[in-house]
Amino acid sequence: MAEAISVGDPVEWSTVADQIRQARANAASRVDAFGVATTAQAVVGQPATIVRLGIAEGVIAGATAGDRYWLGATGGLATSPPAGVGNHVVFIGTAKNATDREVKPQYIGRRGA
């Protein structure tokens, strides 16, 4: 990975070959989320485990089944799409239960004026 990653972070490919980084809704160059991290990694260049599609176990806390999760403006997750002109709206997935989330990233579009 090209930067520190936390459990549950939506990730995308970085500009460094074979490394990932946090996806972010506020940067067009970082919205291509393809999955979420199921392990944290603080050391750049070290591997992290990713779920691309399906159930990511233990990546959220205190959720209710059916809660929806979105890519946060500066990375991480949000419980609603990021507000603000220019932010990209990326659906990440739905809570299966209090701790597990279905991962199904979908790019919705960009917020206009």
N, C-alpha and C. Protein backbone atom coordinates (compact mmCIF):
# COMPACT_ATOMS: atom_id res chain seq x y z
N MET A 1 0.81 -1.17 0.00
CA MET A 1 0.00 0.00 0.00
C MET A 1 0.86 1.24 0.00
N ALA A 2 0.31 2.29 -0.55
CA ALA A 2 1.07 3.52 -0.74
C ALA A 2 0.93 4.49 0.42
N GLU A 3 -0.02 4.22 1.32
CA GLU A 3 -0.22 5.06 2.51
C GLU A 3 -0.91 4.23 3.58
N ALA A 4 -0.97 4.74 4.79
CA ALA A 4 -1.63 4.01 5.89
C ALA A 4 -3.09 3.75 5.56
N ILE A 5 -3.54 2.56 5.90
CA ILE A 5 -4.91 2.12 5.64
C ILE A 5 -5.50 1.61 6.96
N SER A 6 -6.76 1.98 7.23
CA SER A 6 -7.46 1.50 8.42
C SER A 6 -8.47 0.44 8.02
N VAL A 7 -8.85 -0.39 8.97
CA VAL A 7 -9.89 -1.40 8.72
C VAL A 7 -11.16 -0.70 8.25
N GLY A 8 -11.74 -1.18 7.18
CA GLY A 8 -12.99 -0.63 6.64
C GLY A 8 -12.81 0.47 5.62
N ASP A 9 -11.57 0.96 5.44
CA ASP A 9 -11.33 2.03 4.47
C ASP A 9 -11.62 1.56 3.05
N PRO A 10 -12.38 2.35 2.29
CA PRO A 10 -12.49 2.08 0.86
C PRO A 10 -11.13 2.36 0.21
N VAL A 11 -10.71 1.51 -0.70
CA VAL A 11 -9.40 1.65 -1.32
C VAL A 11 -9.49 1.68 -2.84
N GLU A 12 -8.43 2.23 -3.43
CA GLU A 12 -8.28 2.26 -4.88
C GLU A 12 -6.81 2.03 -5.19
N TRP A 13 -6.49 1.82 -6.47
CA TRP A 13 -5.09 1.64 -6.85
C TRP A 13 -4.39 2.98 -6.78
N SER A 14 -3.17 2.99 -6.26
CA SER A 14 -2.39 4.22 -6.18
C SER A 14 -1.63 4.41 -7.50
N THR A 15 -0.86 5.46 -7.58
CA THR A 15 -0.04 5.69 -8.77
C THR A 15 1.25 4.89 -8.71
N VAL A 16 1.50 4.21 -7.57
CA VAL A 16 2.66 3.33 -7.42
C VAL A 16 2.21 1.92 -7.78
N ALA A 17 2.91 1.28 -8.69
CA ALA A 17 2.53 -0.05 -9.16
C ALA A 17 2.27 -1.02 -8.02
N ASP A 18 1.17 -1.74 -8.10
CA ASP A 18 0.81 -2.80 -7.17
C ASP A 18 0.57 -2.33 -5.75
N GLN A 19 0.25 -1.05 -5.54
CA GLN A 19 -0.04 -0.55 -4.21
C GLN A 19 -1.41 0.12 -4.19
N ILE A 20 -2.03 0.10 -3.01
CA ILE A 20 -3.34 0.71 -2.84
C ILE A 20 -3.22 1.96 -1.98
N ARG A 21 -4.27 2.76 -1.98
CA ARG A 21 -4.37 3.93 -1.13
C ARG A 21 -5.84 4.16 -0.81
N GLN A 22 -6.11 5.05 0.14
CA GLN A 22 -7.49 5.39 0.47
C GLN A 22 -8.15 6.07 -0.72
N ALA A 23 -9.38 5.66 -1.01
CA ALA A 23 -10.18 6.38 -1.99
C ALA A 23 -10.75 7.61 -1.28
N ARG A 24 -11.02 8.68 -2.03
CA ARG A 24 -11.55 9.93 -1.47
C ARG A 24 -12.57 10.53 -2.41
N ALA A 25 -13.67 11.00 -1.87
CA ALA A 25 -14.74 11.58 -2.68
C ALA A 25 -14.42 13.00 -3.14
N ASN A 26 -13.45 13.65 -2.53
CA ASN A 26 -13.18 15.04 -2.88
C ASN A 26 -12.07 15.21 -3.91
N ALA A 27 -11.58 14.13 -4.47
CA ALA A 27 -10.50 14.20 -5.46
C ALA A 27 -10.82 13.26 -6.63
N ALA A 28 -11.00 13.83 -7.81
CA ALA A 28 -11.36 13.03 -8.99
C ALA A 28 -10.36 11.92 -9.25
N SER A 29 -9.11 12.13 -8.89
CA SER A 29 -8.08 11.13 -9.14
C SER A 29 -8.10 10.00 -8.10
N ARG A 30 -9.03 10.06 -7.11
CA ARG A 30 -9.03 9.05 -6.04
C ARG A 30 -10.40 8.45 -5.77
N VAL A 31 -11.30 8.47 -6.73
CA VAL A 31 -12.67 7.98 -6.48
C VAL A 31 -12.93 6.56 -6.98
N ASP A 32 -11.96 5.92 -7.56
CA ASP A 32 -12.19 4.59 -8.14
C ASP A 32 -12.10 3.48 -7.11
N ALA A 33 -12.92 3.56 -6.07
CA ALA A 33 -12.93 2.55 -5.01
C ALA A 33 -13.31 1.19 -5.59
N PHE A 34 -12.52 0.19 -5.27
CA PHE A 34 -12.81 -1.16 -5.76
C PHE A 34 -13.03 -2.16 -4.64
N GLY A 35 -12.88 -1.74 -3.39
CA GLY A 35 -13.07 -2.64 -2.27
C GLY A 35 -12.78 -1.94 -0.97
N VAL A 36 -12.77 -2.73 0.14
CA VAL A 36 -12.45 -2.18 1.45
C VAL A 36 -11.40 -3.05 2.14
N ALA A 37 -10.60 -2.38 2.98
CA ALA A 37 -9.56 -3.08 3.73
C ALA A 37 -10.17 -3.84 4.90
N THR A 38 -9.75 -5.07 5.09
CA THR A 38 -10.20 -5.85 6.24
C THR A 38 -9.09 -5.96 7.28
N THR A 39 -7.91 -5.46 6.94
CA THR A 39 -6.81 -5.36 7.89
C THR A 39 -6.23 -3.96 7.82
N ALA A 40 -5.77 -3.45 8.94
CA ALA A 40 -5.12 -2.15 8.97
C ALA A 40 -3.65 -2.34 8.61
N GLN A 41 -3.07 -1.31 8.03
CA GLN A 41 -1.64 -1.35 7.73
C GLN A 41 -1.09 0.06 7.83
N ALA A 42 -0.19 0.28 8.74
CA ALA A 42 0.39 1.61 8.96
C ALA A 42 1.73 1.78 8.24
N VAL A 43 2.34 0.68 7.80
CA VAL A 43 3.66 0.74 7.19
C VAL A 43 3.53 0.75 5.67
N VAL A 44 3.94 1.85 5.07
CA VAL A 44 3.87 1.99 3.61
C VAL A 44 4.67 0.88 2.95
N GLY A 45 4.09 0.30 1.91
CA GLY A 45 4.74 -0.77 1.18
C GLY A 45 4.40 -2.17 1.66
N GLN A 46 3.75 -2.27 2.82
CA GLN A 46 3.37 -3.57 3.35
C GLN A 46 1.95 -3.93 2.87
N PRO A 47 1.61 -5.21 2.82
CA PRO A 47 0.30 -5.62 2.31
C PRO A 47 -0.84 -5.38 3.30
N ALA A 48 -2.03 -5.23 2.75
CA ALA A 48 -3.27 -5.20 3.52
C ALA A 48 -4.24 -6.13 2.81
N THR A 49 -5.16 -6.71 3.55
CA THR A 49 -6.14 -7.61 2.97
C THR A 49 -7.36 -6.80 2.54
N ILE A 50 -7.86 -7.09 1.34
CA ILE A 50 -8.96 -6.33 0.74
C ILE A 50 -10.09 -7.28 0.35
N VAL A 51 -11.34 -6.84 0.56
CA VAL A 51 -12.50 -7.53 0.01
C VAL A 51 -13.02 -6.66 -1.13
N ARG A 52 -13.05 -7.22 -2.33
CA ARG A 52 -13.50 -6.45 -3.50
C ARG A 52 -15.01 -6.48 -3.65
N LEU A 53 -15.61 -7.62 -3.48
CA LEU A 53 -17.06 -7.81 -3.54
C LEU A 53 -17.43 -8.88 -2.54
N GLY A 54 -18.58 -8.72 -1.92
CA GLY A 54 -19.02 -9.72 -0.96
C GLY A 54 -19.03 -9.18 0.44
N ILE A 55 -18.92 -10.07 1.42
CA ILE A 55 -19.03 -9.68 2.82
C ILE A 55 -17.65 -9.45 3.43
N ALA A 56 -17.45 -8.24 3.96
CA ALA A 56 -16.24 -7.91 4.71
C ALA A 56 -16.61 -8.01 6.18
N GLU A 57 -16.02 -8.96 6.89
CA GLU A 57 -16.36 -9.21 8.29
C GLU A 57 -15.56 -8.32 9.23
N GLY A 58 -16.25 -7.76 10.22
CA GLY A 58 -15.61 -7.00 11.28
C GLY A 58 -15.06 -5.64 10.88
N VAL A 59 -15.62 -5.02 9.85
CA VAL A 59 -15.07 -3.74 9.37
C VAL A 59 -15.86 -2.52 9.83
N ILE A 60 -16.98 -2.74 10.51
CA ILE A 60 -17.78 -1.64 11.06
C ILE A 60 -18.17 -2.00 12.49
N ALA A 61 -18.70 -1.04 13.21
CA ALA A 61 -19.13 -1.29 14.59
C ALA A 61 -20.44 -0.56 14.85
N GLY A 62 -21.36 -1.23 15.53
CA GLY A 62 -22.60 -0.59 15.95
C GLY A 62 -23.58 -0.30 14.83
N ALA A 63 -23.45 -0.97 13.72
CA ALA A 63 -24.36 -0.73 12.60
C ALA A 63 -25.67 -1.49 12.80
N THR A 64 -26.66 -1.09 12.04
CA THR A 64 -27.93 -1.80 11.97
C THR A 64 -28.02 -2.40 10.57
N ALA A 65 -28.49 -3.63 10.47
CA ALA A 65 -28.62 -4.25 9.17
C ALA A 65 -29.38 -3.31 8.23
N GLY A 66 -28.82 -3.12 7.05
CA GLY A 66 -29.44 -2.24 6.06
C GLY A 66 -28.86 -0.84 6.02
N ASP A 67 -28.05 -0.45 7.04
CA ASP A 67 -27.40 0.86 6.99
C ASP A 67 -26.55 0.93 5.72
N ARG A 68 -26.60 2.09 5.07
CA ARG A 68 -25.84 2.28 3.82
C ARG A 68 -24.58 3.09 4.10
N TYR A 69 -23.50 2.76 3.39
CA TYR A 69 -22.22 3.43 3.57
C TYR A 69 -21.71 3.99 2.25
N TRP A 70 -21.12 5.18 2.36
CA TRP A 70 -20.65 5.94 1.21
C TRP A 70 -19.19 6.30 1.40
N LEU A 71 -18.50 6.58 0.32
CA LEU A 71 -17.13 7.05 0.38
C LEU A 71 -17.12 8.45 0.99
N GLY A 72 -16.30 8.65 2.02
CA GLY A 72 -16.20 9.95 2.68
C GLY A 72 -15.41 10.95 1.84
N ALA A 73 -15.69 12.22 2.04
CA ALA A 73 -15.04 13.27 1.25
C ALA A 73 -13.52 13.19 1.33
N THR A 74 -12.97 12.97 2.52
CA THR A 74 -11.51 12.90 2.67
C THR A 74 -11.01 11.49 2.93
N GLY A 75 -11.81 10.51 2.56
CA GLY A 75 -11.47 9.11 2.76
C GLY A 75 -12.33 8.49 3.84
N GLY A 76 -12.19 7.21 4.04
CA GLY A 76 -13.00 6.53 5.04
C GLY A 76 -14.45 6.41 4.60
N LEU A 77 -15.31 6.13 5.56
CA LEU A 77 -16.72 5.90 5.28
C LEU A 77 -17.58 7.03 5.82
N ALA A 78 -18.73 7.20 5.20
CA ALA A 78 -19.73 8.14 5.66
C ALA A 78 -21.08 7.43 5.61
N THR A 79 -22.01 7.86 6.47
CA THR A 79 -23.35 7.24 6.48
C THR A 79 -24.31 7.98 5.55
N SER A 80 -23.82 9.00 4.87
CA SER A 80 -24.60 9.68 3.84
C SER A 80 -23.62 10.17 2.77
N PRO A 81 -24.11 10.39 1.56
CA PRO A 81 -23.21 10.87 0.51
C PRO A 81 -22.58 12.20 0.91
N PRO A 82 -21.34 12.46 0.53
CA PRO A 82 -20.69 13.71 0.92
C PRO A 82 -21.38 14.92 0.29
N ALA A 83 -21.65 15.92 1.11
CA ALA A 83 -22.26 17.15 0.62
C ALA A 83 -21.17 18.01 -0.01
N GLY A 84 -21.57 18.98 -0.77
CA GLY A 84 -20.60 19.93 -1.32
C GLY A 84 -20.40 19.76 -2.81
N VAL A 85 -20.40 20.88 -3.50
CA VAL A 85 -20.19 20.90 -4.94
C VAL A 85 -18.83 20.29 -5.26
N GLY A 86 -18.81 19.43 -6.24
CA GLY A 86 -17.56 18.83 -6.70
C GLY A 86 -17.24 17.49 -6.08
N ASN A 87 -17.85 17.16 -4.94
CA ASN A 87 -17.60 15.84 -4.34
C ASN A 87 -18.22 14.76 -5.20
N HIS A 88 -17.54 13.64 -5.27
CA HIS A 88 -18.05 12.49 -6.01
C HIS A 88 -18.86 11.62 -5.07
N VAL A 89 -19.92 11.03 -5.57
CA VAL A 89 -20.79 10.17 -4.77
C VAL A 89 -20.50 8.72 -5.16
N VAL A 90 -19.98 7.97 -4.18
CA VAL A 90 -19.63 6.57 -4.41
C VAL A 90 -20.26 5.73 -3.30
N PHE A 91 -21.19 4.87 -3.67
CA PHE A 91 -21.81 3.94 -2.73
C PHE A 91 -20.81 2.82 -2.49
N ILE A 92 -20.58 2.48 -1.20
CA ILE A 92 -19.61 1.43 -0.87
C ILE A 92 -20.30 0.11 -0.52
N GLY A 93 -21.38 0.16 0.25
CA GLY A 93 -22.05 -1.08 0.60
C GLY A 93 -23.06 -0.90 1.72
N THR A 94 -23.65 -2.00 2.11
CA THR A 94 -24.73 -2.03 3.09
C THR A 94 -24.35 -2.94 4.26
N ALA A 95 -24.72 -2.51 5.47
CA ALA A 95 -24.44 -3.34 6.64
C ALA A 95 -25.26 -4.63 6.59
N LYS A 96 -24.59 -5.73 6.83
CA LYS A 96 -25.26 -7.03 6.95
C LYS A 96 -25.77 -7.21 8.37
N ASN A 97 -24.98 -6.73 9.33
CA ASN A 97 -25.32 -6.78 10.76
C ASN A 97 -24.48 -5.70 11.46
N ALA A 98 -24.29 -5.79 12.75
CA ALA A 98 -23.59 -4.74 13.50
C ALA A 98 -22.12 -4.56 13.11
N THR A 99 -21.48 -5.61 12.59
CA THR A 99 -20.04 -5.53 12.34
C THR A 99 -19.60 -5.87 10.91
N ASP A 100 -20.48 -6.45 10.13
CA ASP A 100 -20.11 -6.90 8.78
C ASP A 100 -20.82 -6.08 7.71
N ARG A 101 -20.12 -5.86 6.61
CA ARG A 101 -20.70 -5.05 5.54
C ARG A 101 -20.57 -5.76 4.21
N GLU A 102 -21.64 -5.70 3.43
CA GLU A 102 -21.57 -6.15 2.05
C GLU A 102 -20.80 -5.08 1.27
N VAL A 103 -19.83 -5.50 0.50
CA VAL A 103 -19.03 -4.58 -0.30
C VAL A 103 -19.50 -4.66 -1.74
N LYS A 104 -19.94 -3.53 -2.26
CA LYS A 104 -20.43 -3.46 -3.64
C LYS A 104 -20.25 -2.03 -4.14
N PRO A 105 -19.00 -1.58 -4.34
CA PRO A 105 -18.76 -0.19 -4.74
C PRO A 105 -19.43 0.17 -6.07
N GLN A 106 -20.07 1.33 -6.06
CA GLN A 106 -20.75 1.84 -7.26
C GLN A 106 -20.56 3.34 -7.35
N TYR A 107 -20.02 3.81 -8.46
CA TYR A 107 -19.86 5.24 -8.68
C TYR A 107 -21.21 5.79 -9.14
N ILE A 108 -21.73 6.79 -8.42
CA ILE A 108 -23.03 7.37 -8.74
C ILE A 108 -22.87 8.61 -9.62
N GLY A 109 -21.96 9.49 -9.28
CA GLY A 109 -21.75 10.71 -10.06
C GLY A 109 -21.09 11.79 -9.22
N ARG A 110 -21.04 12.99 -9.78
CA ARG A 110 -20.39 14.12 -9.12
C ARG A 110 -21.43 15.18 -8.80
N ARG A 111 -21.34 15.76 -7.62
CA ARG A 111 -22.27 16.81 -7.20
C ARG A 111 -22.00 18.09 -7.98
N GLY A 112 -23.06 18.65 -8.54
CA GLY A 112 -22.95 19.90 -9.28
C GLY A 112 -23.31 21.09 -8.41
N ALA A 113 -23.42 22.22 -9.06
CA ALA A 113 -23.74 23.47 -8.33
C ALA A 113 -25.13 23.46 -7.77
